[in-house]
Amino acid sequence: MDFRALTDRLKSRFGENAREVGASHWVYEVMTGNQRSQVVHLLYKEQRENGREANRIVADRIVADSPIGPLPRRYDLEQLLRRNAELDVGAICIEDFRNEEGDQVTYLTLRASHLLSTLDFEEVWEMIEKVARVADVIERDVYASDLH
């Protein structure tokens, strides 16, 4: 499936809760219930090997990534890995981001991906919804509030 065609269909389904950030980056706000929502970034990733394009038909993928919140001090990383093992979608990740002031902030995110060559619209829709709902539950469990 073509990324542009996919995001056009998602935009029609999400309406004003869809925003294009760049040619290969969209953001969706997914309503998760109880007046809560979760942001999910959808990215198109080209596979490259040593700076050259790899076999793009097989390797290009879609990534759904949802920020959960800043990594708490003294967070139990064993608990994080055990929670990953229980997930039915994606994985909890630790990533470094720059905030508006330019400071590096280590964040918990939930990420899932799918090969572009084998996906269809309903699979991507379900992946975005699941990533949002699972990230929202983790966010509520860790921070007891709606950060994203």
N, C-alpha and C. Protein backbone atom coordinates (compact mmCIF):
# COMPACT_ATOMS: atom_id res chain seq x y z
N MET A 1 0.85 -1.18 0.00
CA MET A 1 0.00 0.00 0.00
C MET A 1 0.89 1.24 0.00
N ASP A 2 0.51 2.25 -0.70
CA ASP A 2 1.23 3.52 -0.79
C ASP A 2 0.98 4.34 0.48
N PHE A 3 2.06 4.93 1.04
CA PHE A 3 1.94 5.68 2.29
C PHE A 3 0.99 6.86 2.15
N ARG A 4 1.04 7.58 1.04
CA ARG A 4 0.16 8.74 0.84
C ARG A 4 -1.31 8.30 0.82
N ALA A 5 -1.60 7.22 0.10
CA ALA A 5 -2.99 6.72 0.05
C ALA A 5 -3.45 6.29 1.44
N LEU A 6 -2.55 5.65 2.17
CA LEU A 6 -2.87 5.22 3.53
C LEU A 6 -3.19 6.41 4.43
N THR A 7 -2.34 7.43 4.42
CA THR A 7 -2.57 8.58 5.30
C THR A 7 -3.78 9.40 4.86
N ASP A 8 -4.09 9.41 3.57
CA ASP A 8 -5.31 10.09 3.12
C ASP A 8 -6.55 9.40 3.71
N ARG A 9 -6.56 8.08 3.70
CA ARG A 9 -7.69 7.34 4.28
C ARG A 9 -7.76 7.54 5.79
N LEU A 10 -6.60 7.54 6.45
CA LEU A 10 -6.58 7.77 7.90
C LEU A 10 -7.07 9.17 8.23
N LYS A 11 -6.69 10.15 7.42
CA LYS A 11 -7.13 11.53 7.65
C LYS A 11 -8.65 11.62 7.56
N SER A 12 -9.23 10.91 6.60
CA SER A 12 -10.70 10.96 6.48
C SER A 12 -11.36 10.29 7.70
N ARG A 13 -10.72 9.32 8.30
CA ARG A 13 -11.30 8.65 9.46
C ARG A 13 -11.06 9.44 10.75
N PHE A 14 -9.88 10.03 10.91
CA PHE A 14 -9.56 10.78 12.13
C PHE A 14 -10.03 12.24 12.07
N GLY A 15 -10.24 12.78 10.87
CA GLY A 15 -10.70 14.16 10.73
C GLY A 15 -9.73 15.16 11.32
N GLU A 16 -10.25 16.04 12.17
CA GLU A 16 -9.42 17.11 12.74
C GLU A 16 -8.39 16.58 13.74
N ASN A 17 -8.46 15.32 14.10
CA ASN A 17 -7.47 14.73 15.00
C ASN A 17 -6.27 14.15 14.25
N ALA A 18 -6.15 14.48 12.96
CA ALA A 18 -5.00 14.06 12.15
C ALA A 18 -4.23 15.29 11.71
N ARG A 19 -2.90 15.19 11.78
CA ARG A 19 -2.07 16.33 11.38
C ARG A 19 -0.80 15.82 10.70
N GLU A 20 -0.51 16.37 9.53
CA GLU A 20 0.72 16.01 8.82
C GLU A 20 1.88 16.84 9.36
N VAL A 21 2.94 16.17 9.79
CA VAL A 21 4.13 16.84 10.30
C VAL A 21 5.16 16.97 9.19
N GLY A 22 5.25 15.96 8.34
CA GLY A 22 6.18 15.95 7.21
C GLY A 22 5.72 14.92 6.21
N ALA A 23 6.47 14.79 5.11
CA ALA A 23 6.07 13.87 4.04
C ALA A 23 5.94 12.43 4.51
N SER A 24 6.70 12.06 5.52
CA SER A 24 6.64 10.67 6.01
C SER A 24 6.30 10.60 7.50
N HIS A 25 5.57 11.62 8.00
CA HIS A 25 5.28 11.68 9.43
C HIS A 25 3.91 12.33 9.65
N TRP A 26 3.00 11.57 10.26
CA TRP A 26 1.68 12.07 10.64
C TRP A 26 1.48 11.86 12.14
N VAL A 27 0.64 12.69 12.74
CA VAL A 27 0.29 12.56 14.15
C VAL A 27 -1.23 12.46 14.25
N TYR A 28 -1.69 11.49 15.06
CA TYR A 28 -3.12 11.27 15.27
C TYR A 28 -3.40 11.34 16.76
N GLU A 29 -4.48 12.03 17.12
CA GLU A 29 -4.94 12.01 18.50
C GLU A 29 -6.09 11.01 18.57
N VAL A 30 -5.90 9.96 19.35
CA VAL A 30 -6.86 8.88 19.45
C VAL A 30 -7.60 9.01 20.77
N MET A 31 -8.92 9.07 20.71
CA MET A 31 -9.72 9.13 21.93
C MET A 31 -9.75 7.73 22.54
N THR A 32 -9.38 7.64 23.82
CA THR A 32 -9.25 6.33 24.46
C THR A 32 -10.31 6.08 25.53
N GLY A 33 -11.25 6.99 25.69
CA GLY A 33 -12.32 6.81 26.67
C GLY A 33 -12.08 7.59 27.94
N ASN A 34 -13.14 7.78 28.71
CA ASN A 34 -13.08 8.53 29.98
C ASN A 34 -12.43 9.90 29.80
N GLN A 35 -12.77 10.56 28.71
CA GLN A 35 -12.26 11.90 28.38
C GLN A 35 -10.73 11.93 28.32
N ARG A 36 -10.14 10.84 27.89
CA ARG A 36 -8.69 10.75 27.72
C ARG A 36 -8.39 10.55 26.24
N SER A 37 -7.19 10.95 25.86
CA SER A 37 -6.73 10.72 24.49
C SER A 37 -5.24 10.40 24.53
N GLN A 38 -4.75 9.87 23.43
CA GLN A 38 -3.34 9.52 23.33
C GLN A 38 -2.86 9.89 21.93
N VAL A 39 -1.69 10.49 21.85
CA VAL A 39 -1.09 10.88 20.59
C VAL A 39 -0.31 9.69 20.03
N VAL A 40 -0.48 9.43 18.72
CA VAL A 40 0.28 8.39 18.03
C VAL A 40 0.92 9.01 16.79
N HIS A 41 2.23 8.83 16.68
CA HIS A 41 2.96 9.28 15.49
C HIS A 41 3.03 8.10 14.53
N LEU A 42 2.70 8.33 13.26
CA LEU A 42 2.82 7.31 12.23
C LEU A 42 3.94 7.75 11.29
N LEU A 43 4.95 6.91 11.16
CA LEU A 43 6.13 7.25 10.36
C LEU A 43 6.35 6.21 9.27
N TYR A 44 6.78 6.69 8.12
CA TYR A 44 7.19 5.81 7.03
C TYR A 44 8.70 5.72 7.10
N LYS A 45 9.23 4.51 7.26
CA LYS A 45 10.68 4.30 7.39
C LYS A 45 11.19 3.52 6.19
N GLU A 46 12.13 4.13 5.46
CA GLU A 46 12.79 3.43 4.36
C GLU A 46 13.95 2.63 4.93
N GLN A 47 14.09 1.41 4.47
CA GLN A 47 15.20 0.57 4.91
C GLN A 47 16.43 0.90 4.06
N ARG A 48 17.53 1.16 4.72
CA ARG A 48 18.79 1.43 4.02
C ARG A 48 19.89 0.56 4.61
N GLU A 49 20.81 0.18 3.76
CA GLU A 49 21.98 -0.59 4.19
C GLU A 49 23.22 0.16 3.74
N ASN A 50 24.06 0.54 4.70
CA ASN A 50 25.30 1.26 4.40
C ASN A 50 25.05 2.48 3.51
N GLY A 51 23.98 3.21 3.80
CA GLY A 51 23.67 4.42 3.04
C GLY A 51 22.97 4.18 1.72
N ARG A 52 22.83 2.93 1.30
CA ARG A 52 22.15 2.62 0.04
C ARG A 52 20.77 2.05 0.35
N GLU A 53 19.89 2.22 -0.62
CA GLU A 53 18.56 1.64 -0.45
C GLU A 53 18.65 0.12 -0.45
N ALA A 54 17.98 -0.50 0.48
CA ALA A 54 17.91 -1.96 0.53
C ALA A 54 16.79 -2.40 -0.41
N ASN A 55 16.44 -3.65 -0.38
CA ASN A 55 15.33 -4.15 -1.17
C ASN A 55 14.05 -3.53 -0.61
N ARG A 56 13.63 -2.40 -1.16
CA ARG A 56 12.56 -1.60 -0.59
C ARG A 56 11.21 -2.31 -0.59
N ILE A 57 11.01 -3.17 -1.53
CA ILE A 57 9.73 -3.86 -1.58
C ILE A 57 9.52 -4.68 -0.31
N VAL A 58 10.58 -5.25 0.21
CA VAL A 58 10.48 -6.10 1.39
C VAL A 58 10.67 -5.31 2.68
N ALA A 59 11.54 -4.30 2.68
CA ALA A 59 12.02 -3.74 3.94
C ALA A 59 11.31 -2.48 4.44
N ASP A 60 10.72 -1.67 3.58
CA ASP A 60 10.09 -0.44 4.06
C ASP A 60 8.97 -0.78 5.03
N ARG A 61 8.82 0.08 6.05
CA ARG A 61 7.83 -0.23 7.08
C ARG A 61 7.14 1.02 7.59
N ILE A 62 6.02 0.80 8.25
CA ILE A 62 5.25 1.83 8.93
C ILE A 62 5.49 1.63 10.42
N VAL A 63 5.74 2.74 11.12
CA VAL A 63 5.97 2.68 12.57
C VAL A 63 4.92 3.54 13.25
N ALA A 64 4.23 2.98 14.23
CA ALA A 64 3.31 3.73 15.09
C ALA A 64 3.99 3.88 16.44
N ASP A 65 4.18 5.12 16.86
CA ASP A 65 4.95 5.41 18.08
C ASP A 65 4.15 6.38 18.94
N SER A 66 3.93 6.03 20.20
CA SER A 66 3.15 6.88 21.10
C SER A 66 3.97 7.23 22.33
N PRO A 67 4.18 8.53 22.59
CA PRO A 67 4.92 8.92 23.79
C PRO A 67 4.09 8.62 25.04
N ILE A 68 4.75 8.08 26.05
CA ILE A 68 4.07 7.78 27.31
C ILE A 68 4.41 8.84 28.35
N GLY A 69 5.69 9.15 28.49
CA GLY A 69 6.11 10.18 29.44
C GLY A 69 7.58 10.06 29.74
N PRO A 70 8.13 11.07 30.42
CA PRO A 70 9.55 11.03 30.79
C PRO A 70 9.84 9.81 31.67
N LEU A 71 10.98 9.18 31.44
CA LEU A 71 11.37 8.02 32.24
C LEU A 71 11.54 8.44 33.69
N PRO A 72 10.74 7.87 34.59
CA PRO A 72 10.86 8.25 36.00
C PRO A 72 12.21 7.80 36.58
N ARG A 73 12.73 8.59 37.50
CA ARG A 73 13.96 8.18 38.19
C ARG A 73 13.67 6.89 38.94
N ARG A 74 14.67 6.06 39.00
CA ARG A 74 14.58 4.79 39.72
C ARG A 74 13.45 3.89 39.18
N TYR A 75 13.14 4.04 37.90
CA TYR A 75 12.11 3.18 37.31
C TYR A 75 12.66 1.76 37.22
N ASP A 76 11.86 0.80 37.59
CA ASP A 76 12.27 -0.60 37.61
C ASP A 76 12.31 -1.14 36.18
N LEU A 77 13.52 -1.23 35.61
CA LEU A 77 13.64 -1.67 34.22
C LEU A 77 13.30 -3.15 34.05
N GLU A 78 13.48 -3.95 35.09
CA GLU A 78 13.05 -5.35 35.01
C GLU A 78 11.53 -5.40 34.86
N GLN A 79 10.84 -4.56 35.60
CA GLN A 79 9.38 -4.49 35.49
C GLN A 79 8.98 -4.08 34.06
N LEU A 80 9.73 -3.15 33.47
CA LEU A 80 9.47 -2.72 32.10
C LEU A 80 9.59 -3.89 31.13
N LEU A 81 10.66 -4.66 31.26
CA LEU A 81 10.85 -5.81 30.37
C LEU A 81 9.77 -6.86 30.57
N ARG A 82 9.38 -7.08 31.81
CA ARG A 82 8.32 -8.05 32.07
C ARG A 82 6.98 -7.57 31.48
N ARG A 83 6.74 -6.28 31.57
CA ARG A 83 5.51 -5.73 30.99
C ARG A 83 5.53 -5.87 29.47
N ASN A 84 6.70 -5.66 28.86
CA ASN A 84 6.83 -5.86 27.41
C ASN A 84 6.39 -7.26 27.01
N ALA A 85 6.76 -8.25 27.81
CA ALA A 85 6.43 -9.64 27.49
C ALA A 85 4.93 -9.89 27.51
N GLU A 86 4.18 -9.05 28.20
CA GLU A 86 2.73 -9.23 28.31
C GLU A 86 1.95 -8.50 27.21
N LEU A 87 2.61 -7.62 26.46
CA LEU A 87 1.91 -6.81 25.47
C LEU A 87 1.47 -7.64 24.27
N ASP A 88 0.30 -7.30 23.73
CA ASP A 88 -0.15 -7.96 22.51
C ASP A 88 0.13 -7.10 21.28
N VAL A 89 0.66 -5.91 21.48
CA VAL A 89 1.03 -5.04 20.37
C VAL A 89 2.27 -4.25 20.75
N GLY A 90 3.24 -4.21 19.86
CA GLY A 90 4.40 -3.35 20.04
C GLY A 90 5.28 -3.68 21.22
N ALA A 91 6.09 -2.68 21.59
CA ALA A 91 7.03 -2.82 22.70
C ALA A 91 7.21 -1.46 23.36
N ILE A 92 7.43 -1.49 24.67
CA ILE A 92 7.76 -0.27 25.39
C ILE A 92 9.23 0.02 25.11
N CYS A 93 9.52 1.25 24.74
CA CYS A 93 10.88 1.64 24.38
C CYS A 93 11.34 2.80 25.25
N ILE A 94 12.64 2.99 25.33
CA ILE A 94 13.23 4.14 25.99
C ILE A 94 13.96 4.92 24.91
N GLU A 95 13.58 6.20 24.73
CA GLU A 95 14.18 7.03 23.68
C GLU A 95 14.57 8.37 24.25
N ASP A 96 15.56 8.98 23.63
CA ASP A 96 15.97 10.33 24.01
C ASP A 96 15.40 11.33 23.02
N PHE A 97 14.73 12.35 23.55
CA PHE A 97 14.15 13.43 22.74
C PHE A 97 14.71 14.75 23.21
N ARG A 98 14.55 15.77 22.40
CA ARG A 98 14.89 17.13 22.78
C ARG A 98 13.58 17.86 23.08
N ASN A 99 13.53 18.53 24.24
CA ASN A 99 12.34 19.31 24.55
C ASN A 99 12.44 20.68 23.88
N GLU A 100 11.46 21.54 24.12
CA GLU A 100 11.42 22.85 23.46
C GLU A 100 12.62 23.72 23.81
N GLU A 101 13.22 23.48 24.98
CA GLU A 101 14.39 24.25 25.39
C GLU A 101 15.68 23.65 24.85
N GLY A 102 15.60 22.51 24.17
CA GLY A 102 16.77 21.86 23.61
C GLY A 102 17.44 20.87 24.54
N ASP A 103 16.86 20.65 25.71
CA ASP A 103 17.42 19.69 26.66
C ASP A 103 17.04 18.27 26.26
N GLN A 104 17.94 17.33 26.52
CA GLN A 104 17.64 15.93 26.25
C GLN A 104 16.78 15.36 27.37
N VAL A 105 15.69 14.70 26.97
CA VAL A 105 14.78 14.08 27.93
C VAL A 105 14.61 12.61 27.52
N THR A 106 14.82 11.71 28.46
CA THR A 106 14.64 10.29 28.19
C THR A 106 13.17 9.94 28.43
N TYR A 107 12.56 9.33 27.42
CA TYR A 107 11.11 9.10 27.41
C TYR A 107 10.78 7.63 27.27
N LEU A 108 9.68 7.23 27.88
CA LEU A 108 9.06 5.94 27.59
C LEU A 108 8.12 6.14 26.40
N THR A 109 8.17 5.23 25.43
CA THR A 109 7.24 5.26 24.31
C THR A 109 6.74 3.84 24.07
N LEU A 110 5.66 3.73 23.34
CA LEU A 110 5.18 2.43 22.89
C LEU A 110 5.26 2.44 21.37
N ARG A 111 5.92 1.44 20.81
CA ARG A 111 6.15 1.40 19.36
C ARG A 111 5.73 0.06 18.78
N ALA A 112 5.08 0.13 17.63
CA ALA A 112 4.75 -1.06 16.85
C ALA A 112 5.08 -0.75 15.39
N SER A 113 5.40 -1.77 14.62
CA SER A 113 5.71 -1.55 13.21
C SER A 113 5.13 -2.67 12.36
N HIS A 114 5.04 -2.38 11.07
CA HIS A 114 4.49 -3.35 10.12
C HIS A 114 5.16 -3.11 8.78
N LEU A 115 5.49 -4.20 8.07
CA LEU A 115 6.05 -4.05 6.73
C LEU A 115 5.04 -3.40 5.81
N LEU A 116 5.48 -2.43 5.04
CA LEU A 116 4.60 -1.71 4.12
C LEU A 116 4.06 -2.65 3.04
N SER A 117 4.88 -3.58 2.60
CA SER A 117 4.48 -4.45 1.49
C SER A 117 3.36 -5.41 1.84
N THR A 118 3.11 -5.65 3.12
CA THR A 118 2.10 -6.65 3.49
C THR A 118 0.93 -6.08 4.26
N LEU A 119 0.87 -4.78 4.44
CA LEU A 119 -0.20 -4.22 5.26
C LEU A 119 -1.40 -3.80 4.43
N ASP A 120 -2.53 -3.71 5.10
CA ASP A 120 -3.70 -3.10 4.50
C ASP A 120 -4.24 -2.04 5.47
N PHE A 121 -5.19 -1.27 5.01
CA PHE A 121 -5.68 -0.14 5.79
C PHE A 121 -6.19 -0.55 7.17
N GLU A 122 -6.99 -1.59 7.22
CA GLU A 122 -7.59 -2.00 8.50
C GLU A 122 -6.53 -2.43 9.51
N GLU A 123 -5.44 -3.04 9.04
CA GLU A 123 -4.35 -3.42 9.95
C GLU A 123 -3.68 -2.19 10.56
N VAL A 124 -3.47 -1.17 9.74
CA VAL A 124 -2.84 0.06 10.25
C VAL A 124 -3.79 0.77 11.21
N TRP A 125 -5.05 0.85 10.85
CA TRP A 125 -6.05 1.46 11.73
C TRP A 125 -6.05 0.76 13.09
N GLU A 126 -6.08 -0.57 13.08
CA GLU A 126 -6.08 -1.34 14.32
C GLU A 126 -4.77 -1.13 15.10
N MET A 127 -3.64 -1.08 14.40
CA MET A 127 -2.36 -0.87 15.06
C MET A 127 -2.32 0.49 15.76
N ILE A 128 -2.80 1.54 15.11
CA ILE A 128 -2.83 2.87 15.72
C ILE A 128 -3.73 2.87 16.94
N GLU A 129 -4.91 2.29 16.82
CA GLU A 129 -5.86 2.23 17.94
C GLU A 129 -5.27 1.46 19.13
N LYS A 130 -4.68 0.30 18.85
CA LYS A 130 -4.11 -0.52 19.93
C LYS A 130 -2.93 0.17 20.60
N VAL A 131 -2.04 0.75 19.80
CA VAL A 131 -0.89 1.46 20.37
C VAL A 131 -1.38 2.58 21.27
N ALA A 132 -2.38 3.33 20.83
CA ALA A 132 -2.92 4.43 21.64
C ALA A 132 -3.50 3.91 22.95
N ARG A 133 -4.31 2.88 22.88
CA ARG A 133 -4.97 2.37 24.08
C ARG A 133 -3.98 1.76 25.08
N VAL A 134 -3.02 0.99 24.58
CA VAL A 134 -2.03 0.38 25.48
C VAL A 134 -1.13 1.46 26.07
N ALA A 135 -0.69 2.42 25.26
CA ALA A 135 0.15 3.52 25.78
C ALA A 135 -0.60 4.32 26.83
N ASP A 136 -1.89 4.53 26.62
CA ASP A 136 -2.69 5.27 27.58
C ASP A 136 -2.80 4.52 28.92
N VAL A 137 -2.97 3.21 28.87
CA VAL A 137 -3.03 2.40 30.09
C VAL A 137 -1.69 2.47 30.83
N ILE A 138 -0.60 2.33 30.10
CA ILE A 138 0.73 2.40 30.73
C ILE A 138 0.95 3.79 31.33
N GLU A 139 0.58 4.83 30.58
CA GLU A 139 0.72 6.20 31.07
C GLU A 139 -0.07 6.39 32.37
N ARG A 140 -1.28 5.89 32.40
CA ARG A 140 -2.12 6.01 33.60
C ARG A 140 -1.50 5.24 34.77
N ASP A 141 -0.96 4.05 34.48
CA ASP A 141 -0.34 3.23 35.54
C ASP A 141 0.92 3.87 36.09
N VAL A 142 1.74 4.46 35.23
CA VAL A 142 3.03 5.01 35.66
C VAL A 142 2.88 6.40 36.24
N TYR A 143 2.06 7.26 35.62
CA TYR A 143 2.00 8.67 36.00
C TYR A 143 0.69 9.08 36.67
N ALA A 144 -0.32 8.22 36.63
CA ALA A 144 -1.63 8.51 37.21
C ALA A 144 -2.26 9.78 36.64
N SER A 145 -1.89 10.12 35.39
CA SER A 145 -2.50 11.28 34.73
C SER A 145 -2.39 11.12 33.22
N ASP A 146 -3.04 12.02 32.48
CA ASP A 146 -3.05 12.00 31.02
C ASP A 146 -2.04 13.01 30.52
N LEU A 147 -0.83 12.56 30.18
CA LEU A 147 0.23 13.46 29.72
C LEU A 147 0.16 13.72 28.23
N HIS A 148 -0.25 12.70 27.45
CA HIS A 148 -0.23 12.82 25.99
C HIS A 148 -1.56 12.37 25.44
